[in-house]
Amino acid sequence: MVVSPATSNVSARSTSRLFVVLGTPAPAGGLAVALAGSDPTRVVVPALVTVAAGSRSAAFTVSTTSVLGTATVTPSALGLVPSTASVTVVGRVAGLALSANPLAVGLSTGATLTLPEPAAQGGASFVLLSSDPSVATVSPAVVVIPEGALSPIGAITVTGVSRGTTLLVARADGYLPAEA
């Protein structure tokens, strides 16, 4: 008995369909297969999936959290040898760009934060920061991208404070840091 695919990458805060596959057809009445996940802080699996009588496979859905990393999924059923599949929770990518770069001291410019796909249920809260606030500041410190949206409501402003170089960063659970 195996889980297919044996390895998969799934975006944070999303779902993916996996399959339990048997070597022979399930017996009359079907076969109940228990599922166990190694790390429910990353990947949540249903407790049970049933392979219908005469069938060799059954689909189930795993849900990922915002915690990046790998967890295993192991099926078990009486008399069958299980194998383990790995599910890696990968960060989504957000884009951060400045309207003007370089930025003159004392002047402000806008910045845009965009997602490649609509924000998941509950939206996404991004913390914005400058690696050197003595060179440039960013406000607000936190922006929210509502569920189903690609960008935050409201403006992001970057203000030049002094000569130098700084890195602007946007961070949120389930997303890789976006930099500009």
C-alpha atoms as a PDB file:
ATOM      1  CA  MET A   1       0.000   0.000   0.000  1.00  0.00           C
ATOM      2  CA  VAL A   2       1.398   3.393  -1.000  1.00  0.00           C
ATOM      3  CA  VAL A   3       0.452   7.039  -0.965  1.00  0.00           C
ATOM      4  CA  SER A   4       0.697   8.720  -4.335  1.00  0.00           C
ATOM      5  CA  PRO A   5       2.474  10.907  -5.123  1.00  0.00           C
ATOM      6  CA  ALA A   6       5.282   9.753  -2.825  1.00  0.00           C
ATOM      7  CA  THR A   7       6.618  13.295  -2.582  1.00  0.00           C
ATOM      8  CA  SER A   8       4.814  16.557  -3.172  1.00  0.00           C
ATOM      9  CA  ASN A   9       5.280  20.263  -2.656  1.00  0.00           C
ATOM     10  CA  VAL A  10       2.151  22.084  -1.506  1.00  0.00           C
ATOM     11  CA  SER A  11       1.791  25.811  -0.981  1.00  0.00           C
ATOM     12  CA  ALA A  12       1.249  26.987   2.567  1.00  0.00           C
ATOM     13  CA  ARG A  13      -2.376  27.459   3.635  1.00  0.00           C
ATOM     14  CA  SER A  14      -3.790  25.365   0.805  1.00  0.00           C
ATOM     15  CA  THR A  15      -4.934  21.829   0.018  1.00  0.00           C
ATOM     16  CA  SER A  16      -3.726  18.975  -2.145  1.00  0.00           C
ATOM     17  CA  ARG A  17      -5.287  15.714  -3.274  1.00  0.00           C
ATOM     18  CA  LEU A  18      -3.364  12.512  -2.587  1.00  0.00           C
ATOM     19  CA  PHE A  19      -4.263   8.856  -3.160  1.00  0.00           C
ATOM     20  CA  VAL A  20      -3.961   5.632  -1.210  1.00  0.00           C
ATOM     21  CA  VAL A  21      -3.091   2.919  -3.728  1.00  0.00           C
ATOM     22  CA  LEU A  22      -3.424  -0.808  -2.982  1.00  0.00           C
ATOM     23  CA  GLY A  23      -1.523  -3.637  -4.668  1.00  0.00           C
ATOM     24  CA  THR A  24      -4.770  -5.594  -5.178  1.00  0.00           C
ATOM     25  CA  PRO A  25      -8.445  -4.600  -5.312  1.00  0.00           C
ATOM     26  CA  ALA A  26     -10.158  -3.886  -1.983  1.00  0.00           C
ATOM     27  CA  PRO A  27     -12.291  -6.745  -0.612  1.00  0.00           C
ATOM     28  CA  ALA A  28     -16.091  -6.813  -0.515  1.00  0.00           C
ATOM     29  CA  GLY A  29     -17.313  -4.074   1.805  1.00  0.00           C
ATOM     30  CA  GLY A  30     -14.268  -1.927   1.023  1.00  0.00           C
ATOM     31  CA  LEU A  31     -11.124  -1.314   3.028  1.00  0.00           C
ATOM     32  CA  ALA A  32     -10.778   1.333   5.714  1.00  0.00           C
ATOM     33  CA  VAL A  33      -7.310   2.859   5.718  1.00  0.00           C
ATOM     34  CA  ALA A  34      -6.155   4.913   8.704  1.00  0.00           C
ATOM     35  CA  LEU A  35      -4.009   7.933   7.879  1.00  0.00           C
ATOM     36  CA  ALA A  36      -1.430   9.501  10.161  1.00  0.00           C
ATOM     37  CA  GLY A  37       0.505  12.712   9.652  1.00  0.00           C
ATOM     38  CA  SER A  38       3.850  13.214  11.372  1.00  0.00           C
ATOM     39  CA  ASP A  39       3.415  16.943  12.000  1.00  0.00           C
ATOM     40  CA  PRO A  40      -0.089  18.446  12.246  1.00  0.00           C
ATOM     41  CA  THR A  41       1.464  21.902  12.700  1.00  0.00           C
ATOM     42  CA  ARG A  42       2.398  21.638   8.986  1.00  0.00           C
ATOM     43  CA  VAL A  43       0.077  19.118   7.318  1.00  0.00           C
ATOM     44  CA  VAL A  44      -3.390  18.012   8.440  1.00  0.00           C
ATOM     45  CA  VAL A  45      -4.669  14.663   7.149  1.00  0.00           C
ATOM     46  CA  PRO A  46      -8.066  12.989   7.560  1.00  0.00           C
ATOM     47  CA  ALA A  47      -8.093  10.144  10.065  1.00  0.00           C
ATOM     48  CA  LEU A  48      -9.580   7.637   7.626  1.00  0.00           C
ATOM     49  CA  VAL A  49     -10.134   7.022   3.937  1.00  0.00           C
ATOM     50  CA  THR A  50     -12.114   4.086   2.509  1.00  0.00           C
ATOM     51  CA  VAL A  51     -11.098   2.239  -0.632  1.00  0.00           C
ATOM     52  CA  ALA A  52     -14.325   1.010  -2.242  1.00  0.00           C
ATOM     53  CA  ALA A  53     -14.835  -2.706  -2.847  1.00  0.00           C
ATOM     54  CA  GLY A  54     -13.086  -3.828  -6.046  1.00  0.00           C
ATOM     55  CA  SER A  55     -11.155  -0.546  -6.315  1.00  0.00           C
ATOM     56  CA  ARG A  56      -7.408  -0.159  -5.930  1.00  0.00           C
ATOM     57  CA  SER A  57      -7.318   3.491  -4.828  1.00  0.00           C
ATOM     58  CA  ALA A  58      -9.070   6.236  -2.913  1.00  0.00           C
ATOM     59  CA  ALA A  59      -8.445   9.973  -2.887  1.00  0.00           C
ATOM     60  CA  PHE A  60      -8.060  12.127   0.200  1.00  0.00           C
ATOM     61  CA  THR A  61      -7.245  15.774   0.781  1.00  0.00           C
ATOM     62  CA  VAL A  62      -4.459  17.156   2.966  1.00  0.00           C
ATOM     63  CA  SER A  63      -4.494  20.734   4.239  1.00  0.00           C
ATOM     64  CA  THR A  64      -1.354  22.718   4.906  1.00  0.00           C
ATOM     65  CA  THR A  65      -0.789  25.377   7.534  1.00  0.00           C
ATOM     66  CA  SER A  66       1.495  28.412   7.298  1.00  0.00           C
ATOM     67  CA  VAL A  67       4.408  26.489   8.891  1.00  0.00           C
ATOM     68  CA  LEU A  68       6.966  25.678   6.195  1.00  0.00           C
ATOM     69  CA  GLY A  69       8.771  22.327   6.141  1.00  0.00           C
ATOM     70  CA  THR A  70       8.178  18.627   5.537  1.00  0.00           C
ATOM     71  CA  ALA A  71       5.797  16.162   7.147  1.00  0.00           C
ATOM     72  CA  THR A  72       5.073  12.542   6.333  1.00  0.00           C
ATOM     73  CA  VAL A  73       1.762  10.823   5.670  1.00  0.00           C
ATOM     74  CA  THR A  74       1.504   7.141   6.550  1.00  0.00           C
ATOM     75  CA  PRO A  75      -1.451   4.883   5.709  1.00  0.00           C
ATOM     76  CA  SER A  76      -2.199   1.747   7.691  1.00  0.00           C
ATOM     77  CA  ALA A  77      -4.650  -1.108   7.283  1.00  0.00           C
ATOM     78  CA  LEU A  78      -4.761  -4.568   8.814  1.00  0.00           C
ATOM     79  CA  GLY A  79      -2.480  -6.974   7.004  1.00  0.00           C
ATOM     80  CA  LEU A  80      -0.959  -4.453   4.594  1.00  0.00           C
ATOM     81  CA  VAL A  81       2.562  -3.054   4.584  1.00  0.00           C
ATOM     82  CA  PRO A  82       2.448   0.744   4.534  1.00  0.00           C
ATOM     83  CA  SER A  83       4.824   3.165   2.896  1.00  0.00           C
ATOM     84  CA  THR A  84       5.331   6.795   3.777  1.00  0.00           C
ATOM     85  CA  ALA A  85       4.835   9.820   1.554  1.00  0.00           C
ATOM     86  CA  SER A  86       6.348  13.235   2.232  1.00  0.00           C
ATOM     87  CA  VAL A  87       4.533  16.524   1.849  1.00  0.00           C
ATOM     88  CA  THR A  88       6.654  19.660   1.871  1.00  0.00           C
ATOM     89  CA  VAL A  89       4.898  22.897   2.737  1.00  0.00           C
ATOM     90  CA  VAL A  90       6.450  25.605   0.588  1.00  0.00           C
ATOM     91  CA  GLY A  91       6.115  29.337   0.969  1.00  0.00           C
ATOM     92  CA  ARG A  92       4.142  31.343  -1.480  1.00  0.00           C
ATOM     93  CA  VAL A  93       5.928  34.166  -3.234  1.00  0.00           C
ATOM     94  CA  ALA A  94       4.875  37.784  -2.863  1.00  0.00           C
ATOM     95  CA  GLY A  95       6.267  40.648  -4.936  1.00  0.00           C
ATOM     96  CA  LEU A  96       7.465  43.942  -3.465  1.00  0.00           C
ATOM     97  CA  ALA A  97       8.467  46.853  -5.719  1.00  0.00           C
ATOM     98  CA  LEU A  98       9.272  50.546  -5.283  1.00  0.00           C
ATOM     99  CA  SER A  99       7.849  53.180  -7.584  1.00  0.00           C
ATOM    100  CA  ALA A 100      11.161  55.091  -7.487  1.00  0.00           C
ATOM    101  CA  ASN A 101      14.575  53.605  -6.819  1.00  0.00           C
ATOM    102  CA  PRO A 102      16.919  55.233  -5.859  1.00  0.00           C
ATOM    103  CA  LEU A 103      14.958  57.460  -3.514  1.00  0.00           C
ATOM    104  CA  ALA A 104      16.172  60.974  -2.664  1.00  0.00           C
ATOM    105  CA  VAL A 105      16.581  62.084   0.949  1.00  0.00           C
ATOM    106  CA  GLY A 106      13.423  63.754   2.232  1.00  0.00           C
ATOM    107  CA  LEU A 107      11.208  62.411  -0.552  1.00  0.00           C
ATOM    108  CA  SER A 108       8.634  59.643  -0.454  1.00  0.00           C
ATOM    109  CA  THR A 109       7.551  57.066  -2.992  1.00  0.00           C
ATOM    110  CA  GLY A 110       4.997  54.332  -3.144  1.00  0.00           C
ATOM    111  CA  ALA A 111       5.635  50.626  -2.890  1.00  0.00           C
ATOM    112  CA  THR A 112       3.463  47.819  -4.192  1.00  0.00           C
ATOM    113  CA  LEU A 113       2.982  44.427  -2.600  1.00  0.00           C
ATOM    114  CA  THR A 114       1.306  41.812  -4.780  1.00  0.00           C
ATOM    115  CA  LEU A 115       0.484  38.137  -4.570  1.00  0.00           C
ATOM    116  CA  PRO A 116       0.619  35.752  -7.537  1.00  0.00           C
ATOM    117  CA  GLU A 117      -2.717  34.232  -6.473  1.00  0.00           C
ATOM    118  CA  PRO A 118      -5.575  35.520  -4.313  1.00  0.00           C
ATOM    119  CA  ALA A 119      -4.986  35.541  -0.553  1.00  0.00           C
ATOM    120  CA  ALA A 120      -6.288  32.444   1.212  1.00  0.00           C
ATOM    121  CA  GLN A 121      -9.142  32.303   3.695  1.00  0.00           C
ATOM    122  CA  GLY A 122      -8.614  34.885   6.420  1.00  0.00           C
ATOM    123  CA  GLY A 123      -6.337  37.019   4.220  1.00  0.00           C
ATOM    124  CA  ALA A 124      -2.640  37.655   4.726  1.00  0.00           C
ATOM    125  CA  SER A 125      -1.065  40.085   7.170  1.00  0.00           C
ATOM    126  CA  PHE A 126       2.360  41.373   6.096  1.00  0.00           C
ATOM    127  CA  VAL A 127       4.869  43.110   8.367  1.00  0.00           C
ATOM    128  CA  LEU A 128       6.825  45.760   6.448  1.00  0.00           C
ATOM    129  CA  LEU A 129      10.286  46.884   7.530  1.00  0.00           C
ATOM    130  CA  SER A 130      13.433  48.612   6.410  1.00  0.00           C
ATOM    131  CA  SER A 131      16.716  46.858   7.193  1.00  0.00           C
ATOM    132  CA  ASP A 132      18.153  50.302   8.042  1.00  0.00           C
ATOM    133  CA  PRO A 133      15.482  52.798   9.166  1.00  0.00           C
ATOM    134  CA  SER A 134      18.161  55.524   9.377  1.00  0.00           C
ATOM    135  CA  VAL A 135      18.277  55.355   5.538  1.00  0.00           C
ATOM    136  CA  ALA A 136      14.579  54.834   4.702  1.00  0.00           C
ATOM    137  CA  THR A 137      11.352  54.203   6.577  1.00  0.00           C
ATOM    138  CA  VAL A 138       8.267  52.340   5.461  1.00  0.00           C
ATOM    139  CA  SER A 139       4.704  52.873   6.587  1.00  0.00           C
ATOM    140  CA  PRO A 140       2.422  51.439   7.619  1.00  0.00           C
ATOM    141  CA  ALA A 141       4.307  48.764   9.568  1.00  0.00           C
ATOM    142  CA  VAL A 142       1.601  46.167   8.780  1.00  0.00           C
ATOM    143  CA  VAL A 143      -0.680  45.758   5.766  1.00  0.00           C
ATOM    144  CA  VAL A 144      -3.459  43.237   5.271  1.00  0.00           C
ATOM    145  CA  ILE A 145      -4.318  41.638   1.963  1.00  0.00           C
ATOM    146  CA  PRO A 146      -7.963  40.581   2.274  1.00  0.00           C
ATOM    147  CA  GLU A 147      -9.129  37.084   1.447  1.00  0.00           C
ATOM    148  CA  GLY A 148      -9.456  36.720  -2.327  1.00  0.00           C
ATOM    149  CA  ALA A 149      -7.412  39.893  -3.066  1.00  0.00           C
ATOM    150  CA  LEU A 150      -4.008  40.225  -4.713  1.00  0.00           C
ATOM    151  CA  SER A 151      -2.845  43.403  -2.951  1.00  0.00           C
ATOM    152  CA  PRO A 152      -3.524  45.373   0.232  1.00  0.00           C
ATOM    153  CA  ILE A 153      -6.113  48.084   0.565  1.00  0.00           C
ATOM    154  CA  GLY A 154      -4.317  51.382   1.129  1.00  0.00           C
ATOM    155  CA  ALA A 155      -0.958  52.799   0.194  1.00  0.00           C
ATOM    156  CA  ILE A 156       2.530  51.742   1.261  1.00  0.00           C
ATOM    157  CA  THR A 157       4.892  54.715   1.563  1.00  0.00           C
ATOM    158  CA  VAL A 158       8.695  54.637   1.668  1.00  0.00           C
ATOM    159  CA  THR A 159      10.505  57.804   2.776  1.00  0.00           C
ATOM    160  CA  GLY A 160      14.209  58.552   2.267  1.00  0.00           C
ATOM    161  CA  VAL A 161      15.862  59.640   5.531  1.00  0.00           C
ATOM    162  CA  SER A 162      19.597  59.766   4.700  1.00  0.00           C
ATOM    163  CA  ARG A 163      22.062  58.616   2.064  1.00  0.00           C
ATOM    164  CA  GLY A 164      22.802  54.914   2.069  1.00  0.00           C
ATOM    165  CA  THR A 165      21.411  51.546   1.152  1.00  0.00           C
ATOM    166  CA  THR A 166      18.606  49.636   2.803  1.00  0.00           C
ATOM    167  CA  LEU A 167      16.536  46.606   2.036  1.00  0.00           C
ATOM    168  CA  LEU A 168      12.756  46.753   2.311  1.00  0.00           C
ATOM    169  CA  VAL A 169      11.179  43.496   3.420  1.00  0.00           C
ATOM    170  CA  ALA A 170       7.591  42.224   3.633  1.00  0.00           C
ATOM    171  CA  ARG A 171       7.008  39.109   5.781  1.00  0.00           C
ATOM    172  CA  ALA A 172       3.890  37.028   6.399  1.00  0.00           C
ATOM    173  CA  ASP A 173       3.121  33.512   7.603  1.00  0.00           C
ATOM    174  CA  GLY A 174       3.104  31.094   4.679  1.00  0.00           C
ATOM    175  CA  TYR A 175       4.993  33.433   2.342  1.00  0.00           C
ATOM    176  CA  LEU A 176       8.666  33.743   1.518  1.00  0.00           C
ATOM    177  CA  PRO A 177      10.005  37.195   2.453  1.00  0.00           C
ATOM    178  CA  ALA A 178       9.545  39.725  -0.366  1.00  0.00           C
ATOM    179  CA  GLU A 179      12.400  42.189  -0.797  1.00  0.00           C
ATOM    180  CA  ALA A 180      12.997  45.428  -2.690  1.00  0.00           C
END
